[in-house]
Amino acid sequence: MNYKFTSKCVEDTLTLAENIESEKFPGMVLCLNGDLGSGKTVFVKGFAASLGIEDNITSPTFTIVKEYMSGEMPLYHMDVYRISDNEDFGVEDYFNKDGVCIIEWAELIEDKLPKERLDINFRILDENTRVLVFVPHGEEYEELCNAVL
């Protein structure tokens, strides 16, 4: 089952990310997909802030992975936009750690993603409005969607 959330402003997206963070668990994988400017990094900022991470969150486009260890749980923020088809940066290693992985442009590495995860697809409606469609893969992610959405 898919779930839908309409964000009418940046604050809506931040609040949604904070609510999802409240249901976090070790090994959680969130896969964010959507066009440039659709709100993926805004979502990560809200999630990180709720974890207690005070660093300035930016998209790790050129570094691929940023590790934030200062929150209540490690956060591994990835941006795989610039990954080539045959490039292996050890993404699977992060899925076995006790933190949360959030991957921007995850559809580009779909063959490397774990079977159980939460896909969040961002779509721009207008300057301020975004529709987020949640596709849970696995019972734990289904329960998360039921608790938050």
N, C-alpha and C. Protein backbone atom coordinates (compact mmCIF):
# COMPACT_ATOMS: atom_id res chain seq x y z
N MET A 1 0.84 -1.18 0.00
CA MET A 1 0.00 0.00 0.00
C MET A 1 0.88 1.24 0.00
N ASN A 2 0.53 2.22 -0.81
CA ASN A 2 1.25 3.49 -0.85
C ASN A 2 0.53 4.52 0.01
N TYR A 3 1.28 5.48 0.50
CA TYR A 3 0.74 6.55 1.34
C TYR A 3 1.13 7.87 0.70
N LYS A 4 0.27 8.87 0.89
CA LYS A 4 0.53 10.17 0.28
C LYS A 4 0.47 11.27 1.34
N PHE A 5 1.38 12.24 1.22
CA PHE A 5 1.40 13.39 2.10
C PHE A 5 1.62 14.62 1.23
N THR A 6 0.82 15.67 1.45
CA THR A 6 1.00 16.92 0.73
C THR A 6 1.64 17.94 1.65
N SER A 7 2.78 18.43 1.23
CA SER A 7 3.51 19.47 1.96
C SER A 7 3.23 20.80 1.28
N LYS A 8 2.69 21.74 2.04
CA LYS A 8 2.35 23.05 1.47
C LYS A 8 3.45 24.08 1.68
N CYS A 9 4.50 23.70 2.47
CA CYS A 9 5.61 24.60 2.73
C CYS A 9 6.79 23.80 3.29
N VAL A 10 7.94 24.44 3.38
CA VAL A 10 9.14 23.81 3.91
C VAL A 10 8.90 23.28 5.32
N GLU A 11 8.18 24.04 6.13
CA GLU A 11 7.92 23.63 7.51
C GLU A 11 7.14 22.31 7.58
N ASP A 12 6.21 22.10 6.64
CA ASP A 12 5.47 20.83 6.59
C ASP A 12 6.43 19.67 6.36
N THR A 13 7.38 19.85 5.44
CA THR A 13 8.34 18.79 5.14
C THR A 13 9.25 18.53 6.33
N LEU A 14 9.69 19.60 7.00
CA LEU A 14 10.54 19.44 8.19
C LEU A 14 9.80 18.69 9.30
N THR A 15 8.55 19.06 9.52
CA THR A 15 7.75 18.40 10.56
C THR A 15 7.52 16.94 10.24
N LEU A 16 7.23 16.63 8.98
CA LEU A 16 7.05 15.24 8.58
C LEU A 16 8.32 14.44 8.84
N ALA A 17 9.47 14.99 8.47
CA ALA A 17 10.75 14.30 8.71
C ALA A 17 10.98 14.07 10.19
N GLU A 18 10.63 15.05 11.02
CA GLU A 18 10.77 14.89 12.47
C GLU A 18 9.86 13.78 12.98
N ASN A 19 8.65 13.70 12.45
CA ASN A 19 7.72 12.64 12.87
C ASN A 19 8.23 11.26 12.46
N ILE A 20 8.82 11.16 11.28
CA ILE A 20 9.38 9.88 10.85
C ILE A 20 10.59 9.53 11.72
N GLU A 21 11.39 10.52 12.05
CA GLU A 21 12.55 10.28 12.92
C GLU A 21 12.11 9.70 14.26
N SER A 22 10.95 10.12 14.75
CA SER A 22 10.48 9.64 16.06
C SER A 22 10.20 8.13 16.03
N GLU A 23 10.09 7.54 14.83
CA GLU A 23 9.84 6.11 14.67
C GLU A 23 11.10 5.37 14.20
N LYS A 24 12.26 6.02 14.28
CA LYS A 24 13.51 5.46 13.76
C LYS A 24 13.87 4.14 14.43
N PHE A 25 14.71 3.38 13.76
CA PHE A 25 15.26 2.15 14.31
C PHE A 25 16.61 1.90 13.65
N PRO A 26 17.51 1.19 14.34
CA PRO A 26 18.82 0.90 13.75
C PRO A 26 18.66 0.13 12.44
N GLY A 27 19.42 0.54 11.44
CA GLY A 27 19.35 -0.12 10.15
C GLY A 27 18.28 0.42 9.23
N MET A 28 17.58 1.48 9.64
CA MET A 28 16.54 2.09 8.81
C MET A 28 17.16 2.63 7.52
N VAL A 29 16.48 2.40 6.40
CA VAL A 29 16.93 2.91 5.11
C VAL A 29 15.77 3.67 4.47
N LEU A 30 16.01 4.96 4.22
CA LEU A 30 15.04 5.83 3.57
C LEU A 30 15.60 6.23 2.21
N CYS A 31 14.85 5.97 1.17
CA CYS A 31 15.28 6.23 -0.20
C CYS A 31 14.47 7.38 -0.77
N LEU A 32 15.12 8.50 -1.02
CA LEU A 32 14.44 9.71 -1.49
C LEU A 32 14.65 9.88 -2.99
N ASN A 33 13.56 10.05 -3.70
CA ASN A 33 13.60 10.23 -5.15
C ASN A 33 12.79 11.45 -5.53
N GLY A 34 13.26 12.18 -6.53
CA GLY A 34 12.53 13.36 -6.99
C GLY A 34 13.47 14.31 -7.70
N ASP A 35 12.88 15.23 -8.42
CA ASP A 35 13.66 16.21 -9.17
C ASP A 35 14.46 17.12 -8.26
N LEU A 36 15.42 17.83 -8.86
CA LEU A 36 16.16 18.86 -8.13
C LEU A 36 15.18 19.87 -7.56
N GLY A 37 15.39 20.27 -6.32
CA GLY A 37 14.52 21.27 -5.70
C GLY A 37 13.20 20.75 -5.20
N SER A 38 13.03 19.43 -5.14
CA SER A 38 11.74 18.88 -4.72
C SER A 38 11.61 18.72 -3.20
N GLY A 39 12.71 18.89 -2.47
CA GLY A 39 12.62 18.85 -1.02
C GLY A 39 13.36 17.71 -0.34
N LYS A 40 14.15 16.97 -1.08
CA LYS A 40 14.85 15.82 -0.51
C LYS A 40 15.80 16.25 0.61
N THR A 41 16.64 17.24 0.34
CA THR A 41 17.61 17.68 1.35
C THR A 41 16.90 18.39 2.50
N VAL A 42 15.82 19.08 2.25
CA VAL A 42 15.03 19.69 3.32
C VAL A 42 14.55 18.59 4.27
N PHE A 43 14.07 17.49 3.72
CA PHE A 43 13.63 16.36 4.52
C PHE A 43 14.77 15.86 5.41
N VAL A 44 15.96 15.70 4.82
CA VAL A 44 17.12 15.21 5.59
C VAL A 44 17.46 16.19 6.71
N LYS A 45 17.36 17.49 6.45
CA LYS A 45 17.63 18.49 7.48
C LYS A 45 16.70 18.32 8.67
N GLY A 46 15.41 18.12 8.41
CA GLY A 46 14.45 17.92 9.49
C GLY A 46 14.72 16.66 10.27
N PHE A 47 15.04 15.58 9.57
CA PHE A 47 15.34 14.30 10.21
C PHE A 47 16.58 14.45 11.10
N ALA A 48 17.63 15.05 10.55
CA ALA A 48 18.89 15.22 11.29
C ALA A 48 18.69 16.10 12.52
N ALA A 49 17.96 17.19 12.38
CA ALA A 49 17.71 18.07 13.52
C ALA A 49 16.98 17.33 14.63
N SER A 50 16.03 16.51 14.27
CA SER A 50 15.28 15.75 15.25
C SER A 50 16.15 14.69 15.93
N LEU A 51 17.18 14.22 15.23
CA LEU A 51 18.15 13.28 15.82
C LEU A 51 19.09 13.98 16.80
N GLY A 52 19.09 15.32 16.77
CA GLY A 52 19.99 16.09 17.62
C GLY A 52 21.29 16.47 16.93
N ILE A 53 21.34 16.34 15.63
CA ILE A 53 22.53 16.71 14.86
C ILE A 53 22.48 18.20 14.58
N GLU A 54 23.52 18.90 14.99
CA GLU A 54 23.54 20.36 14.83
C GLU A 54 24.35 20.83 13.64
N ASP A 55 24.99 19.92 12.93
CA ASP A 55 25.78 20.28 11.75
C ASP A 55 24.87 20.89 10.68
N ASN A 56 25.47 21.69 9.81
CA ASN A 56 24.75 22.22 8.66
C ASN A 56 24.61 21.09 7.64
N ILE A 57 23.41 20.67 7.36
CA ILE A 57 23.16 19.56 6.45
C ILE A 57 23.07 20.09 5.03
N THR A 58 23.96 19.57 4.19
CA THR A 58 23.92 19.89 2.76
C THR A 58 23.97 18.58 2.00
N SER A 59 23.57 18.61 0.77
CA SER A 59 23.58 17.40 -0.04
C SER A 59 25.03 16.99 -0.33
N PRO A 60 25.37 15.72 -0.08
CA PRO A 60 26.75 15.27 -0.31
C PRO A 60 27.02 14.88 -1.76
N THR A 61 26.65 15.74 -2.68
CA THR A 61 26.72 15.43 -4.10
C THR A 61 28.12 15.01 -4.54
N PHE A 62 29.15 15.69 -4.09
CA PHE A 62 30.50 15.38 -4.56
C PHE A 62 31.25 14.44 -3.63
N THR A 63 30.82 14.33 -2.37
CA THR A 63 31.48 13.41 -1.45
C THR A 63 30.74 12.07 -1.39
N ILE A 64 29.57 12.01 -1.91
CA ILE A 64 28.69 10.84 -1.98
C ILE A 64 28.07 10.49 -0.63
N VAL A 65 28.88 10.39 0.44
CA VAL A 65 28.36 10.03 1.76
C VAL A 65 28.88 11.01 2.80
N LYS A 66 27.99 11.50 3.64
CA LYS A 66 28.37 12.26 4.82
C LYS A 66 27.89 11.48 6.03
N GLU A 67 28.79 11.29 6.97
CA GLU A 67 28.46 10.57 8.19
C GLU A 67 28.33 11.57 9.34
N TYR A 68 27.19 11.52 10.00
CA TYR A 68 26.94 12.39 11.15
C TYR A 68 26.83 11.49 12.39
N MET A 69 27.74 11.65 13.32
CA MET A 69 27.80 10.77 14.48
C MET A 69 27.40 11.47 15.77
N SER A 70 27.02 12.74 15.70
CA SER A 70 26.78 13.52 16.92
C SER A 70 25.35 13.44 17.45
N GLY A 71 24.46 12.74 16.76
CA GLY A 71 23.08 12.63 17.21
C GLY A 71 22.85 11.40 18.07
N GLU A 72 21.59 11.14 18.40
CA GLU A 72 21.29 9.97 19.23
C GLU A 72 21.55 8.66 18.51
N MET A 73 21.74 8.72 17.21
CA MET A 73 22.04 7.54 16.40
C MET A 73 22.81 8.06 15.17
N PRO A 74 23.76 7.28 14.64
CA PRO A 74 24.47 7.74 13.43
C PRO A 74 23.52 7.94 12.26
N LEU A 75 23.81 8.95 11.46
CA LEU A 75 23.07 9.22 10.24
C LEU A 75 24.05 9.18 9.08
N TYR A 76 23.75 8.37 8.08
CA TYR A 76 24.55 8.26 6.87
C TYR A 76 23.73 8.85 5.74
N HIS A 77 24.14 10.03 5.29
CA HIS A 77 23.40 10.77 4.27
C HIS A 77 24.14 10.61 2.95
N MET A 78 23.48 10.04 1.97
CA MET A 78 24.10 9.76 0.68
C MET A 78 23.38 10.51 -0.44
N ASP A 79 24.17 10.90 -1.42
CA ASP A 79 23.63 11.46 -2.65
C ASP A 79 24.32 10.72 -3.78
N VAL A 80 23.58 9.87 -4.47
CA VAL A 80 24.18 9.00 -5.48
C VAL A 80 23.95 9.52 -6.91
N TYR A 81 23.61 10.80 -7.03
CA TYR A 81 23.32 11.38 -8.34
C TYR A 81 24.48 11.22 -9.32
N ARG A 82 25.69 11.33 -8.83
CA ARG A 82 26.87 11.30 -9.71
C ARG A 82 27.54 9.93 -9.77
N ILE A 83 26.90 8.90 -9.26
CA ILE A 83 27.47 7.56 -9.30
C ILE A 83 27.27 6.96 -10.68
N SER A 84 28.33 6.38 -11.21
CA SER A 84 28.19 5.71 -12.51
C SER A 84 27.68 4.29 -12.27
N ASP A 85 27.16 3.68 -13.31
CA ASP A 85 26.55 2.35 -13.22
C ASP A 85 27.47 1.30 -12.62
N ASN A 86 28.74 1.36 -12.93
CA ASN A 86 29.65 0.31 -12.49
C ASN A 86 30.46 0.70 -11.25
N GLU A 87 30.21 1.88 -10.70
CA GLU A 87 30.96 2.35 -9.54
C GLU A 87 30.43 1.71 -8.26
N ASP A 88 31.35 1.21 -7.45
CA ASP A 88 30.96 0.59 -6.19
C ASP A 88 31.60 1.38 -5.06
N PHE A 89 30.78 2.02 -4.23
CA PHE A 89 31.32 2.80 -3.12
C PHE A 89 30.99 2.16 -1.78
N GLY A 90 30.57 0.91 -1.79
CA GLY A 90 30.32 0.18 -0.55
C GLY A 90 29.03 0.55 0.14
N VAL A 91 28.02 0.94 -0.63
CA VAL A 91 26.75 1.36 -0.04
C VAL A 91 26.15 0.26 0.84
N GLU A 92 26.31 -0.99 0.42
CA GLU A 92 25.72 -2.09 1.19
C GLU A 92 26.29 -2.17 2.61
N ASP A 93 27.55 -1.75 2.79
CA ASP A 93 28.17 -1.76 4.12
C ASP A 93 27.40 -0.88 5.11
N TYR A 94 26.83 0.19 4.62
CA TYR A 94 26.10 1.11 5.50
C TYR A 94 24.77 0.52 5.97
N PHE A 95 24.21 -0.40 5.22
CA PHE A 95 22.93 -0.99 5.60
C PHE A 95 23.05 -1.92 6.80
N ASN A 96 24.25 -2.34 7.10
CA ASN A 96 24.48 -3.27 8.21
C ASN A 96 24.98 -2.57 9.47
N LYS A 97 24.96 -1.27 9.47
CA LYS A 97 25.40 -0.50 10.65
C LYS A 97 24.18 -0.16 11.51
N ASP A 98 24.45 0.33 12.69
CA ASP A 98 23.37 0.63 13.64
C ASP A 98 22.84 2.05 13.52
N GLY A 99 22.94 2.64 12.36
CA GLY A 99 22.43 3.98 12.16
C GLY A 99 21.29 4.00 11.16
N VAL A 100 21.00 5.20 10.67
CA VAL A 100 19.96 5.41 9.66
C VAL A 100 20.64 5.85 8.38
N CYS A 101 20.26 5.24 7.25
CA CYS A 101 20.75 5.64 5.93
C CYS A 101 19.64 6.40 5.22
N ILE A 102 19.97 7.58 4.74
CA ILE A 102 19.05 8.31 3.88
C ILE A 102 19.78 8.54 2.56
N ILE A 103 19.17 8.07 1.49
CA ILE A 103 19.82 8.10 0.18
C ILE A 103 19.01 8.97 -0.77
N GLU A 104 19.64 10.05 -1.25
CA GLU A 104 19.01 10.88 -2.28
C GLU A 104 19.33 10.29 -3.65
N TRP A 105 18.35 10.32 -4.55
CA TRP A 105 18.46 9.78 -5.90
C TRP A 105 18.61 8.25 -5.85
N ALA A 106 17.98 7.63 -4.89
CA ALA A 106 18.14 6.18 -4.66
C ALA A 106 17.74 5.33 -5.87
N GLU A 107 16.83 5.82 -6.69
CA GLU A 107 16.40 5.01 -7.84
C GLU A 107 17.57 4.70 -8.77
N LEU A 108 18.65 5.49 -8.69
CA LEU A 108 19.81 5.27 -9.56
C LEU A 108 20.63 4.05 -9.14
N ILE A 109 20.44 3.57 -7.91
CA ILE A 109 21.18 2.39 -7.44
C ILE A 109 20.20 1.32 -6.93
N GLU A 110 19.05 1.26 -7.53
CA GLU A 110 17.99 0.36 -7.04
C GLU A 110 18.47 -1.08 -6.87
N ASP A 111 19.35 -1.53 -7.72
CA ASP A 111 19.83 -2.92 -7.63
C ASP A 111 20.70 -3.16 -6.40
N LYS A 112 21.18 -2.09 -5.76
CA LYS A 112 22.02 -2.22 -4.57
C LYS A 112 21.24 -2.02 -3.27
N LEU A 113 19.99 -1.59 -3.38
CA LEU A 113 19.20 -1.25 -2.18
C LEU A 113 18.72 -2.52 -1.48
N PRO A 114 18.56 -2.43 -0.16
CA PRO A 114 18.04 -3.59 0.56
C PRO A 114 16.57 -3.83 0.20
N LYS A 115 16.16 -5.06 0.35
CA LYS A 115 14.77 -5.42 0.02
C LYS A 115 13.80 -4.67 0.93
N GLU A 116 14.15 -4.52 2.20
CA GLU A 116 13.29 -3.80 3.14
C GLU A 116 13.80 -2.37 3.29
N ARG A 117 12.92 -1.43 2.98
CA ARG A 117 13.28 -0.01 3.00
C ARG A 117 12.01 0.81 2.82
N LEU A 118 12.15 2.13 2.92
CA LEU A 118 11.03 3.03 2.64
C LEU A 118 11.43 3.96 1.52
N ASP A 119 10.70 3.87 0.41
CA ASP A 119 10.90 4.79 -0.72
C ASP A 119 9.98 5.99 -0.50
N ILE A 120 10.54 7.19 -0.66
CA ILE A 120 9.75 8.42 -0.57
C ILE A 120 9.98 9.18 -1.87
N ASN A 121 8.92 9.31 -2.65
CA ASN A 121 9.00 9.97 -3.96
C ASN A 121 8.42 11.37 -3.86
N PHE A 122 9.25 12.36 -4.15
CA PHE A 122 8.88 13.77 -4.06
C PHE A 122 8.46 14.27 -5.44
N ARG A 123 7.34 14.99 -5.47
CA ARG A 123 6.87 15.57 -6.73
C ARG A 123 6.51 17.03 -6.49
N ILE A 124 7.00 17.90 -7.35
CA ILE A 124 6.74 19.33 -7.25
C ILE A 124 5.39 19.64 -7.90
N LEU A 125 4.49 20.28 -7.13
CA LEU A 125 3.22 20.74 -7.70
C LEU A 125 3.31 22.21 -8.11
N ASP A 126 3.87 23.02 -7.22
CA ASP A 126 4.08 24.44 -7.52
C ASP A 126 5.24 24.93 -6.66
N GLU A 127 5.44 26.22 -6.62
CA GLU A 127 6.59 26.80 -5.93
C GLU A 127 6.73 26.30 -4.49
N ASN A 128 5.63 26.11 -3.79
CA ASN A 128 5.69 25.71 -2.39
C ASN A 128 5.18 24.31 -2.10
N THR A 129 4.36 23.76 -2.97
CA THR A 129 3.66 22.51 -2.68
C THR A 129 4.37 21.31 -3.28
N ARG A 130 4.53 20.29 -2.42
CA ARG A 130 5.12 19.02 -2.84
C ARG A 130 4.19 17.88 -2.44
N VAL A 131 4.12 16.87 -3.25
CA VAL A 131 3.41 15.64 -2.89
C VAL A 131 4.49 14.58 -2.66
N LEU A 132 4.42 13.93 -1.51
CA LEU A 132 5.35 12.87 -1.17
C LEU A 132 4.56 11.56 -1.15
N VAL A 133 5.02 10.61 -1.94
CA VAL A 133 4.39 9.30 -1.97
C VAL A 133 5.35 8.31 -1.30
N PHE A 134 4.83 7.62 -0.29
CA PHE A 134 5.61 6.68 0.51
C PHE A 134 5.29 5.27 0.04
N VAL A 135 6.34 4.51 -0.27
CA VAL A 135 6.19 3.13 -0.70
C VAL A 135 7.01 2.27 0.28
N PRO A 136 6.34 1.66 1.27
CA PRO A 136 7.07 0.83 2.23
C PRO A 136 7.36 -0.56 1.65
N HIS A 137 8.57 -1.02 1.90
CA HIS A 137 8.97 -2.37 1.52
C HIS A 137 9.32 -3.10 2.82
N GLY A 138 8.39 -3.90 3.31
CA GLY A 138 8.61 -4.63 4.55
C GLY A 138 7.67 -4.17 5.64
N GLU A 139 7.41 -5.08 6.55
CA GLU A 139 6.43 -4.84 7.61
C GLU A 139 6.81 -3.68 8.53
N GLU A 140 8.09 -3.57 8.86
CA GLU A 140 8.53 -2.49 9.74
C GLU A 140 8.25 -1.12 9.14
N TYR A 141 8.44 -1.00 7.83
CA TYR A 141 8.20 0.27 7.14
C TYR A 141 6.70 0.53 6.95
N GLU A 142 5.95 -0.53 6.78
CA GLU A 142 4.49 -0.40 6.72
C GLU A 142 3.96 0.13 8.05
N GLU A 143 4.47 -0.41 9.14
CA GLU A 143 4.06 0.06 10.47
C GLU A 143 4.47 1.52 10.69
N LEU A 144 5.66 1.89 10.21
CA LEU A 144 6.11 3.28 10.34
C LEU A 144 5.14 4.20 9.62
N CYS A 145 4.76 3.86 8.39
CA CYS A 145 3.82 4.70 7.62
C CYS A 145 2.47 4.79 8.34
N ASN A 146 1.98 3.69 8.86
CA ASN A 146 0.72 3.71 9.58
C ASN A 146 0.79 4.58 10.83
N ALA A 147 1.94 4.63 11.48
CA ALA A 147 2.09 5.42 12.70
C ALA A 147 2.20 6.91 12.41
N VAL A 148 2.77 7.27 11.27
CA VAL A 148 3.10 8.67 11.02
C VAL A 148 2.12 9.35 10.05
N LEU A 149 1.63 8.59 9.07
CA LEU A 149 0.83 9.24 8.02
C LEU A 149 -0.66 9.03 8.22
